[in-house]
Amino acid sequence: MKKFSRLSYVAAAGSALALLLSGCGGSSNSSSSSSAASTDQVMNVYGCEPQNPLIPSNTNEVCGGNPIDLMFAKLVTFDTKGNVKNEVAKSITANADKTVYTIVLKSGWKFTDGTPVTSESFTKAWSYAADATNAQVSASFFSNIKGYDELQAKGTASDAQLSGLKVNSDTEFTVTLNAASSVFPTMVGYTAYAPLPTSFYKDPKAFGEKPVGNGPYKFKSWTHNQSIDLVKNDDYKGIQPAKNGGIDFKVYTDTDAAYADVQGGNLDVLETIPSTDTQTFQTDNTVQAYNKAGSVFQSFTFPSTLAHFKLDKEGRLRRAAVSMSIDRKTIVNKVLGGIGTPAVDYTSPVTPGYSDSLTGKDVLSYNPTEAKKLWKEANAISPWSSSDKLTFAYNSDGGAKPVYDAIANSVKNTLGIDAETNPYATFSAFRQAISERKVTSAFRTGWQADYPSAEDYLTPLYSSAAADGNGSNDGDYKNPAFDALLSKADQASSTSEANGYYQKAEELLLKDLPAVPLYYSNAAGVAAKGVKGFVLNWKNVPVYQNLTK
C-alpha cells in the first residue's frame, strides 16, 4: 500500500498503500515530463502520518508509500496508465522457463548522499526485507526468491543474504526463483524492491527518519503529524524528472479541512473527496475536479479467529449473510455521491484479469431474504445470543465514517442484530492496532495496486505466506487450495492463462469471504485553481512530478 495500493493499504475511504502499495509509486508520462520546463515552485499536497518510518520494505500504505516512491527509483517504473518502463534497469531477461532473471543496471545512478547505486544496492536491500529477523511488513513479496524460507527461520542473522541473488558485477546480478513467474519483471516496480545505500544498514531506525534515495526527489524534513517535505533531486537520472521544485505532504486528519484548504488555495492537491462534497465537487467552481474510473479496491476484513465468523461452516454462513445485508448500490450513490462502483470481484475494473461474471459473485448482491436465511442456518449451528455484537472498526481521519455507519445500519436492519462501528482517531493508530492483531472485530481494509496485475490484489492480501504478520494478509486467511491456484498462475505461459487461475482463486475467496468486497473507488480528487498538470495515475495517485502553478 494492501495497502492500506501497496502497493498499499489506502488511507481514505474514497481515495487511492496498499504500498501498499502499496505499494506506492508515483508515475508520469515520461515523454512529456522529460521535455517540459521545470520551476522552483514547491507544491503542497494532501498527506497523512505514515504508520512506520520511511523504509521502502516496511511500508505498505500510502501515507508513507507516496513520499517513499518519490524518493526511490526502482528497476522499473510505470507510466500513468500502468505500462512498465525500465528505470534503473537497462534490461531484465528471463531464462527459458522464467525461473532465472538476469538484471543489468544502467550506469551512473547515485543516491542523494553521492554513493553509487550498484547491484548490491538491490540484493542487500531485498535480502534485508526478506529476513524474518528484520520484521519487514513487505517480506512476503520476496517469498518466490530462492533462499526466502531459510531467511524466515527464527534466529537468522539480520544481514543474511538470499541465496537466489548473485552479484556478477556492479551493474549485473541474477535472481533465481523458487518457481516460474511471468509477473516478476513487473513486480520489481513495487516500493519494497527499492535499492538502499550502505548507510541504511548502519542505523535503519535513523535512516527511516531521514531516508536517502535515488528518485526524482530527495528528503528535506519530516515533522511528525504535520508534514513530510521533499525537494527536487537535480542528480536524478531517470525518466520521471520533477517539473516543480519540491513536494510538501501536509498531514491532515480531516479531509473536510483539506478540501476547504484547496478551495482557499492553501493546498494544491487532494486525491480524495470528503463525503460532504461528493455530490457537488464536480460543479464547484473554486476547485479543479477529477473523476475517472480507478483501481482502488475497498472492503472490510474478518479476522480468521473472530468468534462466530471463523473459517468453518457457521462462519462462512455468517460472512455471506453479512455481505448480502449490505446495499452497495445505495452506499455508492447516496453516501459516496457516485464516485465508486459496487464490487463484483477482488481486483478492479481497470486491472488485467478483471471479471464481472465470477461464479459466486451473487454473495456481493444485496439480498435481505437470503441474508436472513443464511443467518438462521448459522444460528442452528451456534446461536447468536442477545449479548453478541458485530462491530466494524475503521479510521475516522479518512472520510470513512458515513460509509461504515451505513454498513452497520444496513446489517442491523436486515439481520436484526446489534451492529455498530468502532472508529480509530487516526489511520496510523488504526493500522498499528491491526498489525498488532489488537482489533477483535471486522475492520476496514482496501488495496491500492502496487503493479498492474490481478496477482497484486490476491497474493499480498490472501496468500498464506502473507499471513501472521509476514505481509498484508491481516485477517490471517489460509487456504491451501487458494495458494495452489496462485502457484499455477505464477507458472502460466501467458498472461491470459494466468488470469484464468486468478479468477478461479477469486471464486474460492467468494466462498470463504476472508474480506468482504464493497466497492471500487474512482480516481477522484481536486486541485486548487491555477495548478497545472493535475491527473491521477493508474493507482489513483497524483502524478506529483508533473504539478506546477
Protein backbone atom coordinates (compact mmCIF):
# COMPACT_ATOMS: atom_id res chain seq x y z
CA MET A 1 0.00 0.00 0.00
CA LYS A 2 -2.58 -3.78 0.87
CA LYS A 3 -2.31 -1.40 1.23
CA PHE A 4 -3.84 0.12 3.09
CA SER A 5 -2.32 0.36 -3.35
CA ARG A 6 0.73 -1.31 -1.81
CA LEU A 7 1.01 -1.30 -3.38
CA SER A 8 -0.51 -0.45 -0.13
CA TYR A 9 -3.39 -0.05 2.07
CA VAL A 10 -5.38 3.07 1.27
CA ALA A 11 -5.84 5.65 3.95
CA ALA A 12 -9.03 7.37 2.84
CA ALA A 13 -12.41 5.91 2.05
CA GLY A 14 -12.69 7.48 -1.37
CA SER A 15 -9.05 7.69 -2.44
CA ALA A 16 -6.03 5.77 -3.53
CA LEU A 17 -0.66 1.94 0.35
CA ALA A 18 -1.55 -0.79 -0.48
CA LEU A 19 2.13 0.32 -0.53
CA LEU A 20 0.72 -0.70 -0.47
CA LEU A 21 1.33 -0.47 -2.40
CA SER A 22 1.05 -0.08 -1.55
CA GLY A 23 2.59 -0.08 -2.89
CA CYS A 24 3.01 3.25 -3.81
CA GLY A 25 4.69 4.53 -6.91
CA GLY A 26 4.02 7.94 -8.38
CA SER A 27 4.02 7.75 -12.15
CA SER A 28 4.11 10.07 -15.10
CA ASN A 29 4.28 10.17 -18.86
CA SER A 30 7.99 10.01 -19.49
CA SER A 31 7.89 11.68 -22.87
CA SER A 32 6.22 14.82 -21.61
CA SER A 33 7.85 15.05 -18.19
CA SER A 34 11.37 14.92 -19.54
CA SER A 35 10.89 17.69 -22.08
CA ALA A 36 8.79 20.16 -20.12
CA ALA A 37 10.37 23.16 -18.44
CA SER A 38 10.71 22.94 -14.67
CA THR A 39 10.07 25.53 -11.98
CA ASP A 40 11.28 26.05 -8.44
CA GLN A 41 7.71 26.16 -7.12
CA VAL A 42 7.08 23.81 -4.17
CA MET A 43 3.68 22.10 -4.32
CA ASN A 44 1.61 21.50 -1.18
CA VAL A 45 -0.27 18.21 -1.40
CA TYR A 46 -2.51 16.18 0.88
CA GLY A 47 -0.75 13.70 3.12
CA CYS A 48 -1.25 11.59 6.24
CA GLU A 49 1.04 10.37 9.00
CA PRO A 50 2.85 7.14 7.98
CA GLN A 51 2.43 4.04 10.10
CA ASN A 52 6.17 3.34 10.15
CA PRO A 53 9.46 5.13 9.48
CA LEU A 54 10.17 5.77 5.79
CA ILE A 55 11.79 2.46 4.84
CA PRO A 56 10.60 1.00 1.49
CA SER A 57 10.29 -2.61 2.61
CA ASN A 58 8.48 -1.69 5.82
CA THR A 59 5.75 0.43 4.22
CA ASN A 60 2.54 -0.96 2.77
CA GLU A 61 0.24 2.06 2.98
CA VAL A 62 0.01 5.31 1.03
CA CYS A 63 0.81 7.68 3.89
CA GLY A 64 4.41 6.55 3.77
CA GLY A 65 4.37 4.99 0.34
CA ASN A 66 3.65 8.13 -1.66
CA PRO A 67 6.67 10.08 -0.38
CA ILE A 68 8.89 6.98 -0.48
CA ASP A 69 8.14 6.38 -4.14
CA LEU A 70 9.17 9.92 -4.98
CA MET A 71 12.50 9.41 -3.19
CA PHE A 72 13.39 5.96 -4.55
CA ALA A 73 13.72 4.84 -8.17
CA LYS A 74 13.32 1.10 -8.69
CA LEU A 75 14.43 -1.20 -11.52
CA VAL A 76 11.26 -0.35 -13.42
CA THR A 77 8.54 2.24 -13.11
CA PHE A 78 5.07 2.65 -14.58
CA ASP A 79 3.60 5.38 -16.71
CA THR A 80 0.26 6.99 -15.92
CA LYS A 81 -1.67 4.10 -17.47
CA GLY A 82 0.38 1.38 -15.78
CA ASN A 83 2.69 0.44 -18.63
CA VAL A 84 6.07 -0.87 -17.46
CA LYS A 85 9.14 1.23 -18.24
CA ASN A 86 12.77 0.42 -17.39
CA GLU A 87 14.14 2.88 -14.84
CA VAL A 88 17.37 1.87 -13.10
CA ALA A 89 17.37 -1.39 -15.08
CA LYS A 90 18.88 -1.44 -18.54
CA SER A 91 17.43 -4.89 -19.14
CA ILE A 92 15.63 -7.71 -17.29
CA THR A 93 15.98 -11.01 -19.14
CA ALA A 94 14.43 -14.36 -18.24
CA ASN A 95 15.70 -17.84 -18.99
CA ALA A 96 13.50 -20.26 -20.93
CA ASP A 97 11.30 -21.36 -18.02
CA LYS A 98 11.21 -17.96 -16.28
CA THR A 99 12.89 -19.17 -13.10
CA VAL A 100 16.10 -17.15 -13.50
CA TYR A 101 16.32 -13.46 -14.37
CA THR A 102 19.45 -11.57 -15.34
CA ILE A 103 19.27 -7.88 -14.47
CA VAL A 104 21.62 -5.32 -15.99
CA LEU A 105 21.68 -1.81 -14.47
CA LYS A 106 22.19 1.49 -16.22
CA SER A 107 25.45 3.13 -15.23
CA GLY A 108 25.80 6.46 -13.43
CA TRP A 109 22.97 6.20 -10.92
CA LYS A 110 23.73 7.63 -7.47
CA PHE A 111 21.95 8.00 -4.16
CA THR A 112 21.45 11.51 -2.82
CA ASP A 113 24.41 11.01 -0.45
CA GLY A 114 26.66 10.66 -3.51
CA THR A 115 27.25 6.89 -3.22
CA PRO A 116 26.69 4.73 -6.33
CA VAL A 117 23.67 2.54 -7.00
CA THR A 118 25.09 -0.93 -7.64
CA SER A 119 23.86 -4.49 -7.86
CA GLU A 120 24.40 -4.86 -4.10
CA SER A 121 22.15 -1.85 -3.52
CA PHE A 122 19.35 -4.16 -4.64
CA THR A 123 20.49 -7.60 -3.47
CA LYS A 124 21.28 -6.48 0.08
CA ALA A 125 18.05 -4.47 0.34
CA TRP A 126 15.94 -7.40 -0.88
CA SER A 127 17.68 -9.79 1.49
CA TYR A 128 17.16 -7.42 4.42
CA ALA A 129 13.46 -7.20 3.53
CA ALA A 130 13.09 -10.98 3.30
CA ASP A 131 14.86 -11.68 6.59
CA ALA A 132 12.37 -12.50 9.36
CA THR A 133 14.71 -11.03 11.97
CA ASN A 134 14.18 -7.60 10.44
CA ALA A 135 10.36 -7.94 10.61
CA GLN A 136 9.58 -6.01 7.44
CA VAL A 137 5.89 -5.78 6.51
CA SER A 138 6.63 -6.49 2.84
CA ALA A 139 8.75 -9.59 3.44
CA SER A 140 6.33 -11.85 1.59
CA PHE A 141 6.97 -10.02 -1.68
CA PHE A 142 10.28 -11.88 -1.79
CA SER A 143 8.87 -15.31 -1.00
CA ASN A 144 9.48 -16.63 -4.51
CA ILE A 145 13.21 -15.86 -4.46
CA LYS A 146 15.39 -18.87 -3.63
CA GLY A 147 16.55 -18.76 -0.03
CA TYR A 148 13.48 -16.98 1.34
CA ASP A 149 12.41 -19.87 3.56
CA GLU A 150 15.88 -20.03 5.11
CA LEU A 151 15.77 -16.32 5.91
CA GLN A 152 12.38 -16.78 7.53
CA ALA A 153 13.82 -19.17 10.12
CA LYS A 154 13.93 -17.97 13.71
CA GLY A 155 17.32 -16.66 14.78
CA THR A 156 18.55 -15.82 11.27
CA ALA A 157 21.26 -13.17 11.24
CA SER A 158 19.88 -9.78 10.24
CA ASP A 159 22.43 -9.45 7.43
CA ALA A 160 21.87 -12.90 5.92
CA GLN A 161 21.56 -12.89 2.13
CA LEU A 162 19.06 -14.56 -0.16
CA SER A 163 20.83 -17.48 -1.84
CA GLY A 164 18.90 -16.82 -5.04
CA LEU A 165 20.62 -13.48 -5.57
CA LYS A 166 24.06 -13.49 -7.19
CA VAL A 167 26.08 -10.38 -7.90
CA ASN A 168 28.00 -10.74 -11.18
CA SER A 169 29.32 -7.17 -11.24
CA ASP A 170 28.45 -3.71 -10.00
CA THR A 171 25.91 -3.46 -12.83
CA GLU A 172 24.66 -7.03 -13.21
CA PHE A 173 23.04 -9.59 -10.92
CA THR A 174 20.89 -12.69 -11.31
CA VAL A 175 17.74 -13.72 -9.48
CA THR A 176 16.87 -17.40 -9.10
CA LEU A 177 13.24 -18.05 -8.20
CA ASN A 178 11.64 -20.99 -6.43
CA ALA A 179 9.05 -21.25 -9.18
CA ALA A 180 8.41 -19.72 -12.56
CA SER A 181 7.00 -16.18 -12.52
CA SER A 182 5.96 -14.21 -15.54
CA VAL A 183 4.96 -11.25 -13.35
CA PHE A 184 8.37 -10.80 -11.72
CA PRO A 185 9.61 -8.09 -14.15
CA THR A 186 6.52 -6.09 -13.25
CA MET A 187 6.66 -6.77 -9.50
CA VAL A 188 10.09 -5.17 -9.16
CA GLY A 189 8.48 -1.79 -9.72
CA TYR A 190 6.86 -2.08 -6.28
CA THR A 191 8.07 0.01 -3.34
CA ALA A 192 9.66 -2.88 -1.43
CA TYR A 193 12.10 -3.56 -4.29
CA ALA A 194 13.78 -0.16 -3.98
CA PRO A 195 17.58 -0.10 -3.61
CA LEU A 196 19.20 1.06 -0.38
CA PRO A 197 22.54 2.80 0.21
CA THR A 198 25.16 1.30 2.54
CA SER A 199 24.34 3.96 5.14
CA PHE A 200 20.98 2.30 5.76
CA TYR A 201 22.49 -0.75 7.47
CA LYS A 202 24.49 1.34 9.95
CA ASP A 203 21.31 2.66 11.57
CA PRO A 204 18.00 1.63 9.94
CA LYS A 205 15.97 3.49 12.55
CA ALA A 206 17.73 6.79 11.91
CA PHE A 207 17.53 6.19 8.16
CA GLY A 208 13.75 5.81 8.40
CA GLU A 209 13.53 9.32 9.83
CA LYS A 210 15.87 10.81 7.19
CA PRO A 211 15.89 8.49 4.16
CA VAL A 212 18.46 8.63 1.38
CA GLY A 213 17.12 7.62 -2.03
CA ASN A 214 17.80 7.88 -5.74
CA GLY A 215 14.47 9.15 -7.05
CA PRO A 216 13.23 12.40 -8.58
CA TYR A 217 13.01 13.99 -5.11
CA LYS A 218 15.22 13.92 -2.04
CA PHE A 219 14.31 14.15 1.61
CA LYS A 220 14.26 17.57 3.29
CA SER A 221 12.40 17.18 6.59
CA TRP A 222 9.70 15.26 8.46
CA THR A 223 7.77 16.97 11.20
CA HIS A 224 5.64 14.18 12.59
CA ASN A 225 1.88 14.68 12.29
CA GLN A 226 2.50 17.89 10.34
CA SER A 227 4.40 17.42 7.10
CA ILE A 228 6.92 15.46 5.04
CA ASP A 229 8.87 17.82 2.80
CA LEU A 230 10.80 16.77 -0.31
CA VAL A 231 12.91 18.80 -2.71
CA LYS A 232 13.77 18.15 -6.35
CA ASN A 233 16.76 15.86 -6.89
CA ASP A 234 18.81 17.58 -9.59
CA ASP A 235 21.02 14.50 -9.94
CA TYR A 236 18.15 12.16 -10.77
CA LYS A 237 18.90 10.24 -13.98
CA GLY A 238 15.53 8.63 -14.65
CA ILE A 239 12.58 9.12 -16.96
CA GLN A 240 10.29 10.91 -14.49
CA PRO A 241 12.05 14.18 -13.56
CA ALA A 242 10.22 16.73 -11.44
CA LYS A 243 8.79 19.81 -13.13
CA ASN A 244 8.48 21.54 -9.76
CA GLY A 245 10.95 22.40 -7.02
CA GLY A 246 9.54 20.09 -4.38
CA ILE A 247 6.57 18.33 -2.81
CA ASP A 248 5.36 19.07 0.72
CA PHE A 249 2.98 16.40 2.04
CA LYS A 250 0.77 18.22 4.54
CA VAL A 251 -0.67 15.86 7.15
CA TYR A 252 -4.43 16.12 7.66
CA THR A 253 -6.69 14.16 9.96
CA ASP A 254 -9.82 15.73 8.47
CA THR A 255 -10.47 15.62 4.73
CA ASP A 256 -13.10 18.36 5.08
CA ALA A 257 -10.38 20.71 6.29
CA ALA A 258 -8.14 19.64 3.41
CA TYR A 259 -10.90 20.30 0.87
CA ALA A 260 -11.50 23.75 2.35
CA ASP A 261 -7.78 24.48 2.02
CA VAL A 262 -7.89 23.53 -1.67
CA GLN A 263 -10.84 25.87 -2.14
CA GLY A 264 -8.87 28.64 -0.45
CA GLY A 265 -5.67 27.97 -2.37
CA ASN A 266 -3.74 26.85 0.71
CA LEU A 267 -3.44 23.24 -0.51
CA ASP A 268 -2.65 22.45 -4.13
CA VAL A 269 -3.87 18.87 -4.48
CA LEU A 270 -6.22 16.49 -2.65
CA GLU A 271 -6.72 12.97 -4.04
CA THR A 272 -9.84 12.16 -2.04
CA ILE A 273 -13.25 13.75 -1.82
CA PRO A 274 -14.92 14.21 1.59
CA SER A 275 -18.33 12.60 1.78
CA THR A 276 -19.90 16.02 2.33
CA ASP A 277 -18.63 17.16 -1.08
CA THR A 278 -19.11 14.14 -3.32
CA GLN A 279 -22.36 15.47 -4.75
CA THR A 280 -21.01 18.92 -5.54
CA PHE A 281 -17.24 18.82 -6.14
CA GLN A 282 -17.57 18.42 -9.92
CA THR A 283 -19.56 21.64 -10.17
CA ASP A 284 -17.56 23.55 -7.54
CA ASN A 285 -16.03 26.49 -9.42
CA THR A 286 -13.46 27.10 -6.67
CA VAL A 287 -11.54 23.88 -7.50
CA GLN A 288 -10.42 21.74 -10.41
CA ALA A 289 -12.26 18.40 -10.26
CA TYR A 290 -11.06 14.98 -11.42
CA ASN A 291 -13.25 11.86 -11.50
CA LYS A 292 -12.42 8.78 -13.58
CA ALA A 293 -12.51 5.00 -13.22
CA GLY A 294 -9.94 3.83 -10.70
CA SER A 295 -8.13 0.80 -9.35
CA VAL A 296 -8.63 1.04 -5.59
CA PHE A 297 -10.48 -1.88 -4.00
CA GLN A 298 -12.44 -1.26 -0.79
CA SER A 299 -13.51 -3.97 1.65
CA PHE A 300 -13.70 -4.97 5.28
CA THR A 301 -11.94 -8.00 6.73
CA PHE A 302 -12.97 -10.65 9.22
CA PRO A 303 -10.12 -11.94 11.42
CA SER A 304 -9.94 -15.71 10.93
CA THR A 305 -10.19 -16.16 14.72
CA LEU A 306 -13.26 -13.95 15.23
CA ALA A 307 -15.94 -15.77 17.22
CA HIS A 308 -18.93 -16.81 15.07
CA PHE A 309 -17.02 -15.79 11.91
CA LYS A 310 -14.23 -18.35 11.74
CA LEU A 311 -13.49 -20.25 8.53
CA ASP A 312 -15.91 -23.06 9.33
CA LYS A 313 -19.46 -23.71 8.20
CA GLU A 314 -21.02 -21.31 10.70
CA GLY A 315 -18.51 -18.60 9.91
CA ARG A 316 -18.96 -18.86 6.15
CA LEU A 317 -22.73 -18.67 6.52
CA ARG A 318 -22.50 -15.56 8.69
CA ARG A 319 -19.95 -13.85 6.46
CA ALA A 320 -22.20 -14.43 3.45
CA ALA A 321 -25.24 -13.22 5.38
CA VAL A 322 -23.48 -10.01 6.39
CA SER A 323 -22.29 -9.43 2.82
CA MET A 324 -25.78 -9.86 1.41
CA SER A 325 -27.16 -7.47 4.05
CA ILE A 326 -25.24 -4.55 2.57
CA ASP A 327 -26.84 -2.34 -0.06
CA ARG A 328 -23.70 -1.42 -2.01
CA LYS A 329 -25.51 0.48 -4.76
CA THR A 330 -27.19 2.80 -2.27
CA ILE A 331 -23.92 3.38 -0.42
CA VAL A 332 -22.12 4.25 -3.66
CA ASN A 333 -24.89 6.52 -4.94
CA LYS A 334 -26.05 8.18 -1.74
CA VAL A 335 -23.01 8.15 0.55
CA LEU A 336 -20.19 8.33 -1.99
CA GLY A 337 -22.03 10.55 -4.43
CA GLY A 338 -21.37 8.22 -7.33
CA ILE A 339 -17.55 8.25 -7.09
CA GLY A 340 -17.35 4.49 -6.86
CA THR A 341 -18.68 1.25 -8.32
CA PRO A 342 -20.15 -1.71 -6.38
CA ALA A 343 -17.60 -4.52 -6.29
CA VAL A 344 -18.17 -7.83 -8.05
CA ASP A 345 -14.68 -9.28 -7.57
CA TYR A 346 -11.43 -8.83 -5.64
CA THR A 347 -9.48 -6.73 -8.18
CA SER A 348 -10.75 -3.67 -10.08
CA PRO A 349 -12.41 -2.89 -13.42
CA VAL A 350 -9.19 -1.37 -14.81
CA THR A 351 -6.97 -4.33 -13.88
CA PRO A 352 -5.94 -7.05 -16.36
CA GLY A 353 -7.75 -10.23 -15.36
CA TYR A 354 -10.86 -8.48 -14.03
CA SER A 355 -14.12 -10.38 -14.49
CA ASP A 356 -17.69 -9.37 -13.67
CA SER A 357 -19.02 -12.91 -14.12
CA LEU A 358 -17.26 -14.96 -11.45
CA THR A 359 -19.11 -17.93 -10.00
CA GLY A 360 -20.34 -16.95 -6.55
CA LYS A 361 -20.46 -13.20 -7.16
CA ASP A 362 -24.12 -13.20 -6.04
CA VAL A 363 -22.86 -13.13 -2.45
CA LEU A 364 -21.95 -9.49 -3.15
CA SER A 365 -25.53 -8.57 -4.13
CA TYR A 366 -28.00 -7.02 -1.71
CA ASN A 367 -30.47 -9.79 -0.85
CA PRO A 368 -32.14 -9.36 2.57
CA THR A 369 -34.24 -12.51 2.22
CA GLU A 370 -31.27 -14.76 1.51
CA ALA A 371 -29.20 -13.00 4.17
CA LYS A 372 -31.79 -13.77 6.85
CA LYS A 373 -31.99 -17.38 5.67
CA LEU A 374 -28.22 -17.88 5.90
CA TRP A 375 -28.10 -16.21 9.31
CA LYS A 376 -30.81 -18.56 10.55
CA GLU A 377 -28.83 -21.56 9.27
CA ALA A 378 -25.78 -20.32 11.16
CA ASN A 379 -27.84 -19.93 14.34
CA ALA A 380 -28.79 -23.60 14.08
CA ILE A 381 -25.11 -24.45 14.34
CA SER A 382 -24.21 -21.99 17.10
CA PRO A 383 -26.80 -19.48 18.35
CA TRP A 384 -26.13 -15.74 18.19
CA SER A 385 -27.08 -14.52 21.64
CA SER A 386 -28.57 -11.19 22.69
CA SER A 387 -25.19 -10.24 24.16
CA ASP A 388 -23.34 -10.79 20.86
CA LYS A 389 -22.45 -7.77 18.78
CA LEU A 390 -20.92 -7.25 15.32
CA THR A 391 -18.52 -4.31 15.23
CA PHE A 392 -16.82 -2.61 12.27
CA ALA A 393 -13.56 -0.79 13.01
CA TYR A 394 -12.26 1.98 10.74
CA ASN A 395 -10.05 5.09 10.80
CA SER A 396 -12.06 8.28 11.19
CA ASP A 397 -9.50 10.60 9.56
CA GLY A 398 -10.10 9.40 6.01
CA GLY A 399 -13.77 10.10 5.36
CA ALA A 400 -14.93 6.53 6.08
CA LYS A 401 -17.46 7.34 8.82
CA PRO A 402 -20.57 7.72 6.61
CA VAL A 403 -19.73 4.50 4.76
CA TYR A 404 -19.35 2.42 7.90
CA ASP A 405 -22.35 3.99 9.58
CA ALA A 406 -24.34 2.91 6.52
CA ILE A 407 -22.86 -0.60 6.60
CA ALA A 408 -23.64 -1.08 10.29
CA ASN A 409 -27.20 0.21 9.85
CA SER A 410 -27.78 -1.98 6.81
CA VAL A 411 -26.62 -5.10 8.67
CA LYS A 412 -28.57 -4.18 11.79
CA ASN A 413 -31.80 -3.54 9.88
CA THR A 414 -31.51 -6.67 7.75
CA LEU A 415 -30.41 -9.24 10.31
CA GLY A 416 -31.95 -7.66 13.41
CA ILE A 417 -28.69 -7.85 15.35
CA ASP A 418 -26.64 -5.36 17.31
CA ALA A 419 -24.17 -3.88 14.82
CA GLU A 420 -22.09 -0.77 15.41
CA THR A 421 -18.86 0.97 14.42
CA ASN A 422 -15.58 1.43 16.28
CA PRO A 423 -13.67 4.44 14.90
CA TYR A 424 -9.94 4.96 15.46
CA ALA A 425 -8.85 8.59 15.51
CA THR A 426 -6.00 8.24 13.02
CA PHE A 427 -5.01 5.92 10.20
CA SER A 428 -1.63 5.37 11.84
CA ALA A 429 -3.19 4.20 15.12
CA PHE A 430 -5.71 2.05 13.24
CA ARG A 431 -3.02 0.32 11.18
CA GLN A 432 -0.86 -0.19 14.25
CA ALA A 433 -3.70 -1.93 16.08
CA ILE A 434 -4.32 -4.17 13.07
CA SER A 435 -0.63 -5.03 12.70
CA GLU A 436 -0.50 -6.00 16.38
CA ARG A 437 -3.71 -8.07 15.97
CA LYS A 438 -5.48 -5.99 18.60
CA VAL A 439 -8.62 -5.38 16.52
CA THR A 440 -11.09 -8.06 17.60
CA SER A 441 -13.84 -7.21 15.15
CA ALA A 442 -14.41 -6.77 11.45
CA PHE A 443 -12.21 -3.92 10.22
CA ARG A 444 -11.93 -1.66 7.22
CA THR A 445 -9.45 -2.66 4.53
CA GLY A 446 -8.66 -1.64 0.99
CA TRP A 447 -5.94 -2.04 -1.57
CA GLN A 448 -4.09 0.28 -3.86
CA ALA A 449 -2.41 -1.73 -6.61
CA ASP A 450 1.36 -1.99 -6.41
CA TYR A 451 1.71 -3.06 -10.01
CA PRO A 452 -0.88 -3.61 -12.77
CA SER A 453 -1.76 -7.28 -12.31
CA ALA A 454 -4.56 -9.29 -10.71
CA GLU A 455 -1.80 -11.11 -8.83
CA ASP A 456 -1.11 -8.00 -6.79
CA TYR A 457 -4.65 -7.91 -5.42
CA LEU A 458 -4.56 -11.57 -4.37
CA THR A 459 -1.12 -12.72 -3.20
CA PRO A 460 -0.32 -9.89 -0.74
CA LEU A 461 -3.76 -9.93 0.86
CA TYR A 462 -4.86 -13.57 0.97
CA SER A 463 -1.91 -15.93 0.48
CA SER A 464 -0.77 -18.00 3.45
CA ALA A 465 2.77 -16.62 3.03
CA ALA A 466 1.46 -13.10 3.74
CA ALA A 467 -0.36 -14.09 6.96
CA ASP A 468 0.82 -13.96 10.57
CA GLY A 469 2.47 -10.57 10.21
CA ASN A 470 4.57 -11.54 7.18
CA GLY A 471 2.66 -9.33 4.77
CA SER A 472 -0.69 -7.64 4.29
CA ASN A 473 -2.92 -10.66 4.98
CA ASP A 474 -4.20 -9.00 8.15
CA GLY A 475 -7.09 -11.42 8.61
CA ASP A 476 -4.60 -14.34 8.61
CA TYR A 477 -6.60 -16.20 5.98
CA LYS A 478 -5.08 -19.52 4.92
CA ASN A 479 -6.40 -21.82 2.22
CA PRO A 480 -4.01 -24.32 0.55
CA ALA A 481 -6.31 -24.61 -2.48
CA PHE A 482 -6.13 -20.84 -2.97
CA ASP A 483 -2.33 -20.90 -2.64
CA ALA A 484 -2.13 -23.71 -5.20
CA LEU A 485 -4.06 -21.67 -7.78
CA LEU A 486 -1.72 -18.73 -7.26
CA SER A 487 1.20 -21.07 -7.84
CA LYS A 488 -0.31 -22.31 -11.10
CA ALA A 489 -0.81 -18.73 -12.22
CA ASP A 490 2.85 -17.99 -11.49
CA GLN A 491 3.87 -20.83 -13.77
CA ALA A 492 1.47 -19.92 -16.59
CA SER A 493 2.91 -19.48 -20.05
CA SER A 494 0.81 -16.41 -20.82
CA THR A 495 -0.97 -13.57 -19.06
CA SER A 496 -4.31 -14.91 -20.30
CA GLU A 497 -3.65 -18.33 -18.78
CA ALA A 498 -2.52 -16.76 -15.52
CA ASN A 499 -5.65 -14.63 -15.33
CA GLY A 500 -7.77 -17.77 -15.64
CA TYR A 501 -6.16 -19.17 -12.49
CA TYR A 502 -6.55 -15.86 -10.69
CA GLN A 503 -10.27 -15.91 -11.44
CA LYS A 504 -10.59 -19.43 -10.06
CA ALA A 505 -8.76 -18.26 -6.95
CA GLU A 506 -11.21 -15.38 -6.59
CA GLU A 507 -14.10 -17.83 -6.74
CA LEU A 508 -12.65 -19.54 -3.67
CA LEU A 509 -12.49 -16.17 -1.94
CA LEU A 510 -16.16 -15.59 -2.72
CA LYS A 511 -16.93 -18.79 -0.79
CA ASP A 512 -14.71 -18.02 2.19
CA LEU A 513 -15.06 -14.21 2.24
CA PRO A 514 -11.86 -13.50 4.19
CA ALA A 515 -12.63 -9.93 3.22
CA VAL A 516 -16.00 -8.67 2.01
CA PRO A 517 -15.67 -6.60 -1.21
CA LEU A 518 -17.61 -3.35 -1.04
CA TYR A 519 -16.78 -1.07 -3.96
CA TYR A 520 -14.03 0.24 -6.22
CA SER A 521 -13.09 3.84 -5.54
CA ASN A 522 -12.99 6.10 -8.55
CA ALA A 523 -9.83 8.11 -9.12
CA ALA A 524 -11.32 11.32 -7.78
CA GLY A 525 -9.74 14.44 -6.40
CA VAL A 526 -9.46 18.21 -6.60
CA ALA A 527 -6.72 20.75 -7.24
CA ALA A 528 -6.61 24.43 -6.46
CA LYS A 529 -7.25 26.91 -9.21
CA GLY A 530 -4.04 27.70 -11.09
CA VAL A 531 -2.47 24.28 -10.54
CA LYS A 532 -1.29 22.67 -13.78
CA GLY A 533 -0.62 19.02 -14.60
CA PHE A 534 -3.18 17.57 -12.19
CA VAL A 535 -4.02 13.97 -13.14
CA LEU A 536 -4.32 10.75 -11.14
CA ASN A 537 -2.40 7.71 -12.33
CA TRP A 538 -3.36 4.02 -12.58
CA LYS A 539 -3.14 3.76 -8.78
CA ASN A 540 -5.41 6.74 -8.15
CA VAL A 541 -2.35 8.75 -7.01
CA PRO A 542 -1.45 12.22 -8.33
CA VAL A 543 1.44 12.41 -10.78
CA TYR A 544 3.34 14.64 -8.38
CA GLN A 545 6.26 15.25 -10.74
CA ASN A 546 4.00 17.00 -13.25
CA LEU A 547 2.45 19.51 -10.85
CA THR A 548 3.21 23.19 -11.40
CA LYS A 549 1.46 26.50 -10.96
